[in-house]
């Protein structure tokens, strides 16, 4: 069974190249469609950056330790502040340089953020043996 990365045909990207790649995509006229996060369960996450130009999707994958900050692309694509804040809420990720940081209260109440570190982010899968 193919992995999520293989299905998307995502190009791996290094953490220090995330913002430069976003700037390059912006300069070429790409729009940021969204970002997706997958908790790998080993202390790392895959962050997928989904871009579109003329109805052709391009995807990049950053595999990164969950407890280390990720550079924000919101200075390049302002709307990224929403999905980056959502990723903070759901996965407790931290983004350096986020243009507007809701401090994990975009969707969550203070009561939840003070008691739960990362709600809504665990998905279990079972593979059927042939």
Foldseek 3Di string as FASTA:
>chain_A
DDDPCVVQVAAEDELVCVQVVLLVCVVVPKDWPAWDWADPPPQWIWIKTWIDDPRDIYIHIYIGGQPDEGAQNCVVVVVHLVRVQVCCQASVHHYPPRPDHPPNVPPDDPVCVVPDRHPPHDDDDDDDDD
